[in-house]
């Protein structure tokens, strides 16, 4: 019995001499409860923007103006068979029409850059796609209210305030669609 007590005492002293260190699994900056939602709510969080933009604009103008001016000078008193007259006519008929349509459908994951004083999330994101030497770049920036973010952590682009959405394509195909320098010069001269 003494021997077993002695062994127990030695084991207890040995265990107490070993320093135990363990890192905590709880980290205050990244902690999120299992019961909480997964919506973006702090800088660095990601949010998916559903870009469904469909714009259409047209403008038409028809202008018709006219002016008639007659000036006559009677010289009958000066000479019997002579009369002089002057007539001027000015007419303008102008027509113009402009029509433009645009459509963008995309999903872009953006980053929360900062939280505004009123609680809005300031977001920005960029999507770059390159296929067959054609680059397409979509950028999204804006502010979103926390209540406009869905449970799936998405927001529609129509819900962004101060939205700046740009779509730029560059490459062989877009280069072929641009007019040449000589066509620009002719257009400048109205030809």
N, C-alpha and C. Protein backbone atom coordinates (compact mmCIF):
# COMPACT_ATOMS: atom_id res chain seq x y z
N UNK A 1 0.81 -1.16 0.00
CA UNK A 1 0.00 0.00 0.00
C UNK A 1 0.87 1.24 0.00
N UNK A 2 1.92 1.17 0.77
CA UNK A 2 2.83 2.31 0.78
C UNK A 2 3.47 2.47 -0.58
N UNK A 3 3.73 1.37 -1.16
CA UNK A 3 4.37 1.44 -2.47
C UNK A 3 3.42 2.07 -3.50
N UNK A 4 2.18 1.75 -3.50
CA UNK A 4 1.23 2.32 -4.45
C UNK A 4 1.00 3.81 -4.17
N UNK A 5 1.04 4.19 -2.89
CA UNK A 5 0.92 5.60 -2.56
C UNK A 5 2.14 6.38 -3.02
N UNK A 6 3.28 5.74 -2.88
CA UNK A 6 4.51 6.38 -3.31
C UNK A 6 4.52 6.57 -4.83
N UNK A 7 4.06 5.59 -5.55
CA UNK A 7 4.01 5.69 -7.02
C UNK A 7 2.99 6.76 -7.42
N UNK A 8 1.89 6.82 -6.73
CA UNK A 8 0.87 7.84 -7.03
C UNK A 8 1.41 9.24 -6.76
N UNK A 9 2.16 9.39 -5.69
CA UNK A 9 2.74 10.68 -5.34
C UNK A 9 3.77 11.10 -6.37
N UNK A 10 4.60 10.18 -6.81
CA UNK A 10 5.61 10.48 -7.83
C UNK A 10 4.92 10.87 -9.13
N UNK A 11 3.86 10.16 -9.50
CA UNK A 11 3.13 10.48 -10.75
C UNK A 11 2.49 11.86 -10.64
N UNK A 12 1.92 12.17 -9.53
CA UNK A 12 1.28 13.46 -9.34
C UNK A 12 2.29 14.59 -9.42
N UNK A 13 3.47 14.40 -8.83
CA UNK A 13 4.52 15.41 -8.92
C UNK A 13 5.03 15.56 -10.35
N UNK A 14 5.13 14.47 -11.07
CA UNK A 14 5.61 14.51 -12.45
C UNK A 14 4.61 15.26 -13.33
N UNK A 15 3.36 15.01 -13.16
CA UNK A 15 2.33 15.68 -13.97
C UNK A 15 2.27 17.16 -13.64
N UNK A 16 2.42 17.52 -12.37
CA UNK A 16 2.36 18.93 -12.01
C UNK A 16 3.57 19.70 -12.49
N UNK A 17 4.67 19.05 -12.73
CA UNK A 17 5.87 19.72 -13.23
C UNK A 17 5.78 20.02 -14.72
N UNK A 18 4.97 19.28 -15.47
CA UNK A 18 4.83 19.51 -16.91
C UNK A 18 3.89 20.70 -17.11
N UNK A 19 4.36 21.69 -17.93
CA UNK A 19 3.56 22.87 -18.19
C UNK A 19 2.54 22.57 -19.26
N UNK A 20 1.34 22.83 -18.98
CA UNK A 20 0.28 22.60 -19.95
C UNK A 20 -0.02 23.90 -20.68
N UNK A 21 -0.07 23.84 -21.99
CA UNK A 21 -0.43 25.02 -22.76
C UNK A 21 -1.45 24.60 -23.81
N UNK A 22 -2.45 25.41 -23.95
CA UNK A 22 -3.48 25.12 -24.94
C UNK A 22 -3.97 26.45 -25.51
N UNK A 23 -4.17 26.46 -26.81
CA UNK A 23 -4.70 27.67 -27.45
C UNK A 23 -6.21 27.60 -27.41
N UNK A 24 -6.82 28.72 -27.20
CA UNK A 24 -8.27 28.78 -27.12
C UNK A 24 -8.87 28.71 -28.52
N UNK A 25 -9.97 28.02 -28.67
CA UNK A 25 -10.69 27.97 -29.94
C UNK A 25 -11.51 29.24 -30.16
N UNK A 26 -11.79 29.95 -29.11
CA UNK A 26 -12.56 31.19 -29.20
C UNK A 26 -11.65 32.34 -29.59
N UNK A 27 -11.99 33.00 -30.69
CA UNK A 27 -11.27 34.21 -31.10
C UNK A 27 -12.32 35.30 -31.28
N UNK A 28 -12.18 36.33 -30.52
CA UNK A 28 -13.21 37.37 -30.47
C UNK A 28 -13.48 38.01 -31.83
N UNK A 29 -12.45 38.24 -32.62
CA UNK A 29 -12.62 38.93 -33.90
C UNK A 29 -13.34 38.12 -34.95
N UNK A 30 -13.29 36.78 -34.87
CA UNK A 30 -13.90 35.95 -35.91
C UNK A 30 -15.02 35.07 -35.38
N UNK A 31 -15.39 35.21 -34.14
CA UNK A 31 -16.42 34.35 -33.55
C UNK A 31 -17.78 34.65 -34.16
N UNK A 32 -18.50 33.60 -34.50
CA UNK A 32 -19.87 33.73 -34.95
C UNK A 32 -20.63 32.54 -34.42
N UNK A 33 -21.72 32.79 -33.75
CA UNK A 33 -22.52 31.74 -33.13
C UNK A 33 -23.09 30.83 -34.20
N UNK A 34 -23.27 29.57 -33.86
CA UNK A 34 -23.87 28.62 -34.80
C UNK A 34 -25.32 28.99 -35.12
N UNK A 35 -25.96 29.70 -34.23
CA UNK A 35 -27.36 30.08 -34.43
C UNK A 35 -27.50 31.41 -35.19
N UNK A 36 -26.42 32.13 -35.40
CA UNK A 36 -26.51 33.42 -36.08
C UNK A 36 -26.55 33.24 -37.59
N UNK A 37 -27.02 34.30 -38.30
CA UNK A 37 -27.04 34.22 -39.76
C UNK A 37 -25.66 34.48 -40.32
N UNK A 38 -25.50 34.20 -41.59
CA UNK A 38 -24.19 34.33 -42.24
C UNK A 38 -24.12 35.55 -43.15
N UNK A 39 -24.86 36.60 -42.81
CA UNK A 39 -24.85 37.82 -43.61
C UNK A 39 -23.58 38.62 -43.34
N UNK A 40 -23.13 39.32 -44.38
CA UNK A 40 -21.98 40.21 -44.22
C UNK A 40 -22.35 41.33 -43.26
N UNK A 41 -21.46 41.65 -42.33
CA UNK A 41 -21.77 42.72 -41.39
C UNK A 41 -20.54 43.46 -40.88
N UNK A 42 -19.35 43.14 -41.39
CA UNK A 42 -18.15 43.85 -40.94
C UNK A 42 -17.16 43.94 -42.10
N UNK A 43 -16.21 44.86 -42.02
CA UNK A 43 -15.22 45.00 -43.11
C UNK A 43 -14.47 43.69 -43.34
N UNK A 44 -14.29 43.39 -44.61
CA UNK A 44 -13.61 42.16 -44.99
C UNK A 44 -14.56 41.02 -45.32
N UNK A 45 -15.82 41.11 -44.88
CA UNK A 45 -16.80 40.07 -45.21
C UNK A 45 -17.14 40.14 -46.69
N UNK A 46 -17.60 39.02 -47.22
CA UNK A 46 -17.97 38.94 -48.63
C UNK A 46 -19.49 38.95 -48.76
N UNK A 47 -19.96 39.53 -49.86
CA UNK A 47 -21.38 39.56 -50.18
C UNK A 47 -21.53 39.41 -51.69
N UNK A 48 -22.52 38.65 -52.13
CA UNK A 48 -22.74 38.42 -53.56
C UNK A 48 -23.77 39.42 -54.07
N UNK A 49 -23.40 40.14 -55.12
CA UNK A 49 -24.28 41.12 -55.74
C UNK A 49 -24.87 40.50 -57.00
N UNK A 50 -26.18 40.45 -57.07
CA UNK A 50 -26.88 39.93 -58.24
C UNK A 50 -27.17 41.11 -59.16
N UNK A 51 -26.42 41.22 -60.24
CA UNK A 51 -26.54 42.36 -61.15
C UNK A 51 -27.56 42.02 -62.22
N UNK A 52 -28.72 42.64 -62.12
CA UNK A 52 -29.78 42.49 -63.11
C UNK A 52 -30.16 43.89 -63.55
N UNK A 53 -29.43 44.43 -64.48
CA UNK A 53 -29.66 45.79 -64.97
C UNK A 53 -30.18 45.74 -66.39
N UNK A 54 -31.27 46.44 -66.63
CA UNK A 54 -31.87 46.51 -67.95
C UNK A 54 -32.28 47.96 -68.17
N UNK A 55 -31.58 48.64 -69.04
CA UNK A 55 -31.86 50.05 -69.28
C UNK A 55 -32.26 50.27 -70.72
N UNK A 56 -33.12 51.23 -70.92
CA UNK A 56 -33.56 51.59 -72.25
C UNK A 56 -33.87 53.08 -72.25
N UNK A 57 -33.40 53.77 -73.26
CA UNK A 57 -33.66 55.20 -73.37
C UNK A 57 -33.83 55.56 -74.83
N UNK A 58 -34.75 56.46 -75.11
CA UNK A 58 -34.90 56.95 -76.47
C UNK A 58 -35.29 58.41 -76.42
N UNK A 59 -34.93 59.10 -77.46
CA UNK A 59 -35.21 60.51 -77.56
C UNK A 59 -35.49 60.83 -79.03
N UNK A 60 -36.50 61.62 -79.28
CA UNK A 60 -36.83 62.00 -80.65
C UNK A 60 -37.14 63.48 -80.68
N UNK A 61 -36.78 64.12 -81.78
CA UNK A 61 -37.06 65.55 -81.94
C UNK A 61 -37.43 65.83 -83.39
N UNK A 62 -38.47 66.61 -83.59
CA UNK A 62 -38.86 67.09 -84.91
C UNK A 62 -38.96 68.61 -84.83
N UNK A 63 -38.27 69.26 -85.69
CA UNK A 63 -38.26 70.72 -85.68
C UNK A 63 -38.59 71.22 -87.07
N UNK A 64 -39.59 72.06 -87.15
CA UNK A 64 -39.94 72.71 -88.41
C UNK A 64 -40.10 74.19 -88.11
N UNK A 65 -39.32 74.99 -88.75
CA UNK A 65 -39.43 76.43 -88.59
C UNK A 65 -39.45 77.08 -89.95
N UNK A 66 -40.02 78.21 -90.03
CA UNK A 66 -40.06 78.93 -91.30
C UNK A 66 -40.15 80.43 -91.07
N UNK A 67 -39.63 81.16 -92.01
CA UNK A 67 -39.68 82.61 -91.89
C UNK A 67 -39.76 83.16 -93.31
N UNK A 68 -40.65 84.09 -93.50
CA UNK A 68 -40.79 84.79 -94.79
C UNK A 68 -40.62 86.27 -94.53
N UNK A 69 -39.85 86.89 -95.36
CA UNK A 69 -39.68 88.33 -95.25
C UNK A 69 -39.76 88.92 -96.66
N UNK A 70 -40.60 89.87 -96.83
CA UNK A 70 -40.74 90.56 -98.11
C UNK A 70 -40.45 92.05 -97.92
N UNK A 71 -39.65 92.55 -98.76
CA UNK A 71 -39.37 93.98 -98.78
C UNK A 71 -39.62 94.45 -100.20
N UNK A 72 -40.40 95.42 -100.34
CA UNK A 72 -40.70 95.93 -101.68
C UNK A 72 -40.38 97.42 -101.72
N UNK A 73 -39.89 97.81 -102.84
CA UNK A 73 -39.56 99.21 -103.04
C UNK A 73 -40.25 99.66 -104.32
N UNK A 74 -41.07 100.64 -104.21
CA UNK A 74 -41.83 101.11 -105.36
C UNK A 74 -41.12 102.31 -105.95
N UNK A 75 -40.64 102.13 -107.13
CA UNK A 75 -39.93 103.21 -107.80
C UNK A 75 -40.77 103.83 -108.93
N UNK A 76 -42.08 103.63 -108.90
CA UNK A 76 -42.94 104.15 -109.96
C UNK A 76 -42.91 105.67 -110.00
N UNK A 77 -42.76 106.26 -108.92
CA UNK A 77 -42.75 107.70 -108.90
C UNK A 77 -41.47 108.24 -109.51
N UNK A 78 -40.38 107.46 -109.39
CA UNK A 78 -39.13 107.93 -109.95
C UNK A 78 -39.10 107.70 -111.45
N UNK A 79 -39.46 106.52 -111.88
CA UNK A 79 -39.52 106.27 -113.32
C UNK A 79 -40.77 105.44 -113.60
N UNK A 80 -41.35 105.57 -114.70
CA UNK A 80 -42.67 105.04 -114.98
C UNK A 80 -42.73 103.52 -114.99
N UNK A 81 -41.80 102.83 -115.55
CA UNK A 81 -41.90 101.38 -115.70
C UNK A 81 -40.92 100.59 -114.83
N UNK A 82 -40.40 101.17 -113.87
CA UNK A 82 -39.41 100.44 -113.06
C UNK A 82 -39.92 100.24 -111.63
N UNK A 83 -39.72 99.02 -111.16
CA UNK A 83 -40.05 98.69 -109.76
C UNK A 83 -38.95 97.76 -109.26
N UNK A 84 -38.66 97.78 -108.01
CA UNK A 84 -37.64 96.92 -107.43
C UNK A 84 -38.26 96.18 -106.24
N UNK A 85 -37.82 94.97 -106.04
CA UNK A 85 -38.34 94.19 -104.92
C UNK A 85 -37.27 93.24 -104.38
N UNK A 86 -37.46 92.80 -103.18
CA UNK A 86 -36.53 91.87 -102.54
C UNK A 86 -37.34 90.87 -101.74
N UNK A 87 -37.05 89.61 -101.89
CA UNK A 87 -37.78 88.59 -101.17
C UNK A 87 -36.77 87.61 -100.58
N UNK A 88 -36.94 87.25 -99.32
CA UNK A 88 -36.06 86.28 -98.65
C UNK A 88 -36.92 85.24 -97.95
N UNK A 89 -36.54 83.98 -98.09
CA UNK A 89 -37.25 82.88 -97.44
C UNK A 89 -36.22 82.01 -96.71
N UNK A 90 -36.54 81.65 -95.50
CA UNK A 90 -35.64 80.81 -94.71
C UNK A 90 -36.48 79.71 -94.08
N UNK A 91 -36.15 78.47 -94.35
CA UNK A 91 -36.88 77.35 -93.79
C UNK A 91 -35.91 76.31 -93.24
N UNK A 92 -36.31 75.70 -92.16
CA UNK A 92 -35.50 74.64 -91.53
C UNK A 92 -36.40 73.48 -91.20
N UNK A 93 -36.00 72.32 -91.60
CA UNK A 93 -36.74 71.09 -91.28
C UNK A 93 -35.71 70.11 -90.73
N UNK A 94 -35.76 69.88 -89.44
CA UNK A 94 -34.78 68.99 -88.81
C UNK A 94 -35.45 67.88 -88.04
N UNK A 95 -34.85 66.71 -88.12
CA UNK A 95 -35.36 65.56 -87.39
C UNK A 95 -34.17 64.82 -86.79
N UNK A 96 -34.40 64.26 -85.61
CA UNK A 96 -33.34 63.47 -84.97
C UNK A 96 -33.94 62.42 -84.06
N UNK A 97 -33.21 61.35 -83.89
CA UNK A 97 -33.68 60.27 -83.02
C UNK A 97 -32.47 59.55 -82.43
N UNK A 98 -32.53 59.30 -81.15
CA UNK A 98 -31.49 58.56 -80.46
C UNK A 98 -32.15 57.45 -79.67
N UNK A 99 -31.59 56.26 -79.76
CA UNK A 99 -32.11 55.14 -79.00
C UNK A 99 -30.95 54.30 -78.51
N UNK A 100 -31.03 53.89 -77.24
CA UNK A 100 -29.94 53.12 -76.65
C UNK A 100 -30.54 52.12 -75.66
N UNK A 101 -30.01 50.91 -75.69
CA UNK A 101 -30.45 49.87 -74.76
C UNK A 101 -29.22 49.17 -74.19
N UNK A 102 -29.34 48.73 -72.97
CA UNK A 102 -28.24 48.00 -72.33
C UNK A 102 -28.80 46.95 -71.38
N UNK A 103 -28.09 45.84 -71.27
CA UNK A 103 -28.53 44.77 -70.38
C UNK A 103 -27.33 44.06 -69.81
N UNK A 104 -27.30 43.91 -68.49
CA UNK A 104 -26.21 43.19 -67.82
C UNK A 104 -26.84 42.20 -66.84
N UNK A 105 -26.44 40.95 -66.93
CA UNK A 105 -26.83 39.91 -65.99
C UNK A 105 -25.56 39.28 -65.47
N UNK A 106 -25.31 39.38 -64.18
CA UNK A 106 -24.07 38.83 -63.61
C UNK A 106 -24.24 38.62 -62.11
N UNK A 107 -23.36 37.82 -61.55
CA UNK A 107 -23.25 37.65 -60.11
C UNK A 107 -21.80 37.92 -59.74
N UNK A 108 -21.59 38.87 -58.85
CA UNK A 108 -20.24 39.27 -58.46
C UNK A 108 -20.16 39.24 -56.95
N UNK A 109 -19.13 38.59 -56.44
CA UNK A 109 -18.91 38.62 -55.01
C UNK A 109 -18.03 39.81 -54.68
N UNK A 110 -18.55 40.68 -53.83
CA UNK A 110 -17.86 41.92 -53.46
C UNK A 110 -17.42 41.84 -52.00
N UNK A 111 -16.53 42.74 -51.65
CA UNK A 111 -15.99 42.81 -50.29
C UNK A 111 -16.55 44.04 -49.58
N UNK A 112 -16.89 43.87 -48.31
CA UNK A 112 -17.31 45.00 -47.50
C UNK A 112 -16.06 45.81 -47.17
N UNK A 113 -16.00 47.04 -47.66
CA UNK A 113 -14.82 47.89 -47.46
C UNK A 113 -14.88 48.64 -46.13
N UNK A 114 -16.08 49.10 -45.77
CA UNK A 114 -16.22 49.83 -44.51
C UNK A 114 -17.68 49.85 -44.10
N UNK A 115 -17.92 50.24 -42.89
CA UNK A 115 -19.27 50.41 -42.38
C UNK A 115 -19.50 51.92 -42.20
N UNK A 116 -20.52 52.44 -42.86
CA UNK A 116 -20.82 53.88 -42.77
C UNK A 116 -21.38 54.20 -41.38
N UNK A 117 -21.43 55.46 -41.06
CA UNK A 117 -21.89 55.90 -39.75
C UNK A 117 -23.33 55.47 -39.47
N UNK A 118 -24.15 55.38 -40.52
CA UNK A 118 -25.55 54.98 -40.33
C UNK A 118 -25.74 53.46 -40.37
N UNK A 119 -24.67 52.71 -40.52
CA UNK A 119 -24.74 51.25 -40.53
C UNK A 119 -24.75 50.63 -41.91
N UNK A 120 -24.79 51.46 -42.96
CA UNK A 120 -24.73 50.91 -44.32
C UNK A 120 -23.38 50.28 -44.58
N UNK A 121 -23.36 49.25 -45.41
CA UNK A 121 -22.12 48.58 -45.79
C UNK A 121 -21.64 49.16 -47.12
N UNK A 122 -20.42 49.65 -47.16
CA UNK A 122 -19.82 50.15 -48.39
C UNK A 122 -19.08 48.97 -49.02
N UNK A 123 -19.51 48.60 -50.24
CA UNK A 123 -18.96 47.40 -50.87
C UNK A 123 -18.31 47.74 -52.21
N UNK A 124 -17.40 46.88 -52.62
CA UNK A 124 -16.76 47.01 -53.93
C UNK A 124 -16.29 45.63 -54.37
N UNK A 125 -16.45 45.34 -55.65
CA UNK A 125 -16.01 44.06 -56.18
C UNK A 125 -15.74 44.16 -57.66
N UNK A 126 -14.97 43.22 -58.15
CA UNK A 126 -14.57 43.22 -59.55
C UNK A 126 -14.53 41.79 -60.05
N UNK A 127 -14.96 41.58 -61.28
CA UNK A 127 -14.94 40.26 -61.90
C UNK A 127 -14.25 40.41 -63.26
N UNK A 128 -13.21 39.66 -63.47
CA UNK A 128 -12.45 39.73 -64.72
C UNK A 128 -12.48 38.36 -65.37
N UNK A 129 -12.93 38.32 -66.62
CA UNK A 129 -13.04 37.07 -67.36
C UNK A 129 -12.30 37.24 -68.68
N UNK A 130 -11.46 36.29 -68.99
CA UNK A 130 -10.72 36.33 -70.25
C UNK A 130 -10.95 35.03 -71.00
N UNK A 131 -11.52 35.15 -72.22
CA UNK A 131 -11.80 34.01 -73.08
C UNK A 131 -11.35 34.35 -74.49
N UNK A 132 -10.51 33.50 -75.07
CA UNK A 132 -10.05 33.69 -76.46
C UNK A 132 -9.53 35.10 -76.73
N UNK A 133 -8.67 35.57 -75.87
CA UNK A 133 -8.03 36.87 -76.02
C UNK A 133 -9.02 38.03 -75.91
N UNK A 134 -10.17 37.79 -75.32
CA UNK A 134 -11.17 38.82 -75.05
C UNK A 134 -11.30 38.96 -73.54
N UNK A 135 -11.11 40.17 -73.06
CA UNK A 135 -11.24 40.44 -71.62
C UNK A 135 -12.56 41.14 -71.36
N UNK A 136 -13.28 40.66 -70.37
CA UNK A 136 -14.51 41.31 -69.94
C UNK A 136 -14.38 41.58 -68.44
N UNK A 137 -14.62 42.82 -68.08
CA UNK A 137 -14.45 43.23 -66.70
C UNK A 137 -15.72 43.91 -66.21
N UNK A 138 -16.22 43.42 -65.08
CA UNK A 138 -17.40 44.02 -64.46
C UNK A 138 -16.99 44.51 -63.08
N UNK A 139 -17.31 45.75 -62.78
CA UNK A 139 -17.02 46.33 -61.47
C UNK A 139 -18.33 46.79 -60.83
N UNK A 140 -18.40 46.58 -59.52
CA UNK A 140 -19.58 47.00 -58.76
C UNK A 140 -19.10 47.72 -57.50
N UNK A 141 -19.69 48.88 -57.24
CA UNK A 141 -19.42 49.63 -56.02
C UNK A 141 -20.73 50.24 -55.55
N UNK A 142 -20.85 50.43 -54.26
CA UNK A 142 -22.05 51.07 -53.75
C UNK A 142 -22.22 50.85 -52.26
N UNK A 143 -23.38 51.30 -51.77
CA UNK A 143 -23.73 51.14 -50.36
C UNK A 143 -25.00 50.29 -50.28
N UNK A 144 -25.05 49.43 -49.28
CA UNK A 144 -26.22 48.57 -49.12
C UNK A 144 -26.65 48.58 -47.65
N UNK A 145 -27.95 48.61 -47.44
CA UNK A 145 -28.49 48.53 -46.09
C UNK A 145 -28.47 47.08 -45.62
N UNK A 146 -28.25 46.85 -44.36
CA UNK A 146 -28.19 45.49 -43.81
C UNK A 146 -29.50 44.75 -44.03
N UNK A 147 -30.64 45.44 -43.96
CA UNK A 147 -31.92 44.77 -44.14
C UNK A 147 -32.19 44.36 -45.58
N UNK A 148 -31.42 44.89 -46.54
CA UNK A 148 -31.58 44.50 -47.94
C UNK A 148 -30.79 43.25 -48.31
N UNK A 149 -29.98 42.75 -47.40
CA UNK A 149 -29.20 41.54 -47.64
C UNK A 149 -30.07 40.33 -47.32
N UNK A 150 -30.17 39.40 -48.26
CA UNK A 150 -31.01 38.22 -48.06
C UNK A 150 -30.34 37.23 -47.12
N UNK A 151 -31.09 36.21 -46.73
CA UNK A 151 -30.55 35.17 -45.86
C UNK A 151 -29.42 34.40 -46.53
N UNK A 152 -29.39 34.39 -47.87
CA UNK A 152 -28.32 33.72 -48.62
C UNK A 152 -27.10 34.62 -48.81
N UNK A 153 -27.08 35.77 -48.13
CA UNK A 153 -25.98 36.74 -48.21
C UNK A 153 -25.83 37.31 -49.62
N UNK A 154 -26.96 37.61 -50.25
CA UNK A 154 -26.96 38.23 -51.57
C UNK A 154 -27.77 39.52 -51.52
N UNK A 155 -27.49 40.40 -52.46
CA UNK A 155 -28.24 41.65 -52.59
C UNK A 155 -28.39 41.94 -54.09
N UNK A 156 -29.56 42.42 -54.48
CA UNK A 156 -29.77 42.78 -55.87
C UNK A 156 -29.15 44.15 -56.15
N UNK A 157 -28.64 44.32 -57.35
CA UNK A 157 -27.98 45.58 -57.70
C UNK A 157 -28.95 46.75 -57.65
N UNK A 158 -30.22 46.50 -57.80
CA UNK A 158 -31.20 47.59 -57.73
C UNK A 158 -31.37 48.10 -56.31
N UNK A 159 -30.85 47.39 -55.33
CA UNK A 159 -30.93 47.81 -53.93
C UNK A 159 -29.68 48.55 -53.47
N UNK A 160 -28.70 48.75 -54.35
CA UNK A 160 -27.48 49.47 -54.01
C UNK A 160 -27.71 50.98 -54.13
N UNK A 161 -27.28 51.70 -53.13
CA UNK A 161 -27.30 53.16 -53.20
C UNK A 161 -25.95 53.63 -53.74
N UNK A 162 -25.94 54.74 -54.42
CA UNK A 162 -24.71 55.28 -55.02
C UNK A 162 -24.00 54.21 -55.84
N UNK A 163 -24.78 53.41 -56.56
CA UNK A 163 -24.23 52.28 -57.32
C UNK A 163 -23.41 52.77 -58.51
N UNK A 164 -22.28 52.15 -58.68
CA UNK A 164 -21.44 52.37 -59.85
C UNK A 164 -21.14 50.99 -60.42
N UNK A 165 -21.78 50.68 -61.55
CA UNK A 165 -21.62 49.39 -62.19
C UNK A 165 -21.04 49.65 -63.57
N UNK A 166 -19.91 49.05 -63.85
CA UNK A 166 -19.30 49.24 -65.17
C UNK A 166 -18.99 47.89 -65.79
N UNK A 167 -19.17 47.85 -67.09
CA UNK A 167 -18.91 46.64 -67.86
C UNK A 167 -18.03 47.06 -69.04
N UNK A 168 -16.83 46.52 -69.10
CA UNK A 168 -15.88 46.90 -70.14
C UNK A 168 -15.38 45.64 -70.82
N UNK A 169 -15.39 45.65 -72.14
CA UNK A 169 -14.85 44.54 -72.92
C UNK A 169 -13.68 45.04 -73.74
N UNK A 170 -12.64 44.25 -73.84
CA UNK A 170 -11.45 44.65 -74.59
C UNK A 170 -10.83 43.41 -75.19
N UNK A 171 -10.38 43.53 -76.43
CA UNK A 171 -9.74 42.41 -77.09
C UNK A 171 -9.93 42.50 -78.59
N UNK A 172 -9.71 41.38 -79.27
CA UNK A 172 -9.76 41.35 -80.73
C UNK A 172 -11.13 41.72 -81.27
N UNK A 173 -12.17 41.16 -80.71
CA UNK A 173 -13.52 41.40 -81.20
C UNK A 173 -13.94 42.86 -81.02
N UNK A 174 -13.71 43.41 -79.85
CA UNK A 174 -14.10 44.80 -79.61
C UNK A 174 -13.24 45.76 -80.43
N UNK A 175 -12.00 45.38 -80.70
CA UNK A 175 -11.12 46.21 -81.53
C UNK A 175 -11.65 46.28 -82.97
N UNK A 176 -12.21 45.18 -83.46
CA UNK A 176 -12.74 45.14 -84.83
C UNK A 176 -14.01 46.00 -84.96
N UNK A 177 -14.70 46.21 -83.86
CA UNK A 177 -15.94 46.96 -83.93
C UNK A 177 -15.73 48.46 -83.86
N UNK A 178 -14.56 48.91 -83.51
CA UNK A 178 -14.28 50.35 -83.45
C UNK A 178 -13.94 50.87 -84.84
N UNK A 179 -14.39 52.09 -85.17
CA UNK A 179 -14.04 52.66 -86.48
C UNK A 179 -12.54 53.00 -86.54
N UNK A 180 -12.00 52.92 -87.74
CA UNK A 180 -10.59 53.27 -87.95
C UNK A 180 -10.37 54.77 -87.84
N UNK A 181 -9.11 55.18 -87.77
CA UNK A 181 -8.79 56.60 -87.61
C UNK A 181 -9.27 57.41 -88.80
N UNK A 182 -9.18 56.84 -90.00
CA UNK A 182 -9.59 57.56 -91.19
C UNK A 182 -11.11 57.76 -91.21
N UNK A 183 -11.86 56.80 -90.65
CA UNK A 183 -13.30 56.97 -90.56
C UNK A 183 -13.66 58.06 -89.55
N UNK A 184 -12.89 58.16 -88.49
CA UNK A 184 -13.13 59.22 -87.50
C UNK A 184 -12.87 60.59 -88.11
N UNK A 185 -11.83 60.71 -88.94
CA UNK A 185 -11.52 61.98 -89.60
C UNK A 185 -12.63 62.36 -90.56
N UNK A 186 -13.12 61.40 -91.35
CA UNK A 186 -14.22 61.68 -92.28
C UNK A 186 -15.48 62.09 -91.54
N UNK A 187 -15.75 61.44 -90.42
CA UNK A 187 -16.92 61.79 -89.62
C UNK A 187 -16.77 63.19 -89.05
N UNK A 188 -15.57 63.55 -88.66
CA UNK A 188 -15.33 64.88 -88.12
C UNK A 188 -15.63 65.96 -89.16
N UNK A 189 -15.32 65.69 -90.44
CA UNK A 189 -15.60 66.62 -91.52
C UNK A 189 -17.04 66.52 -92.02
N UNK A 190 -17.82 65.62 -91.42
CA UNK A 190 -19.21 65.48 -91.81
C UNK A 190 -19.44 64.68 -93.07
N UNK A 191 -18.48 63.86 -93.43
CA UNK A 191 -18.62 63.04 -94.65
C UNK A 191 -19.08 61.65 -94.31
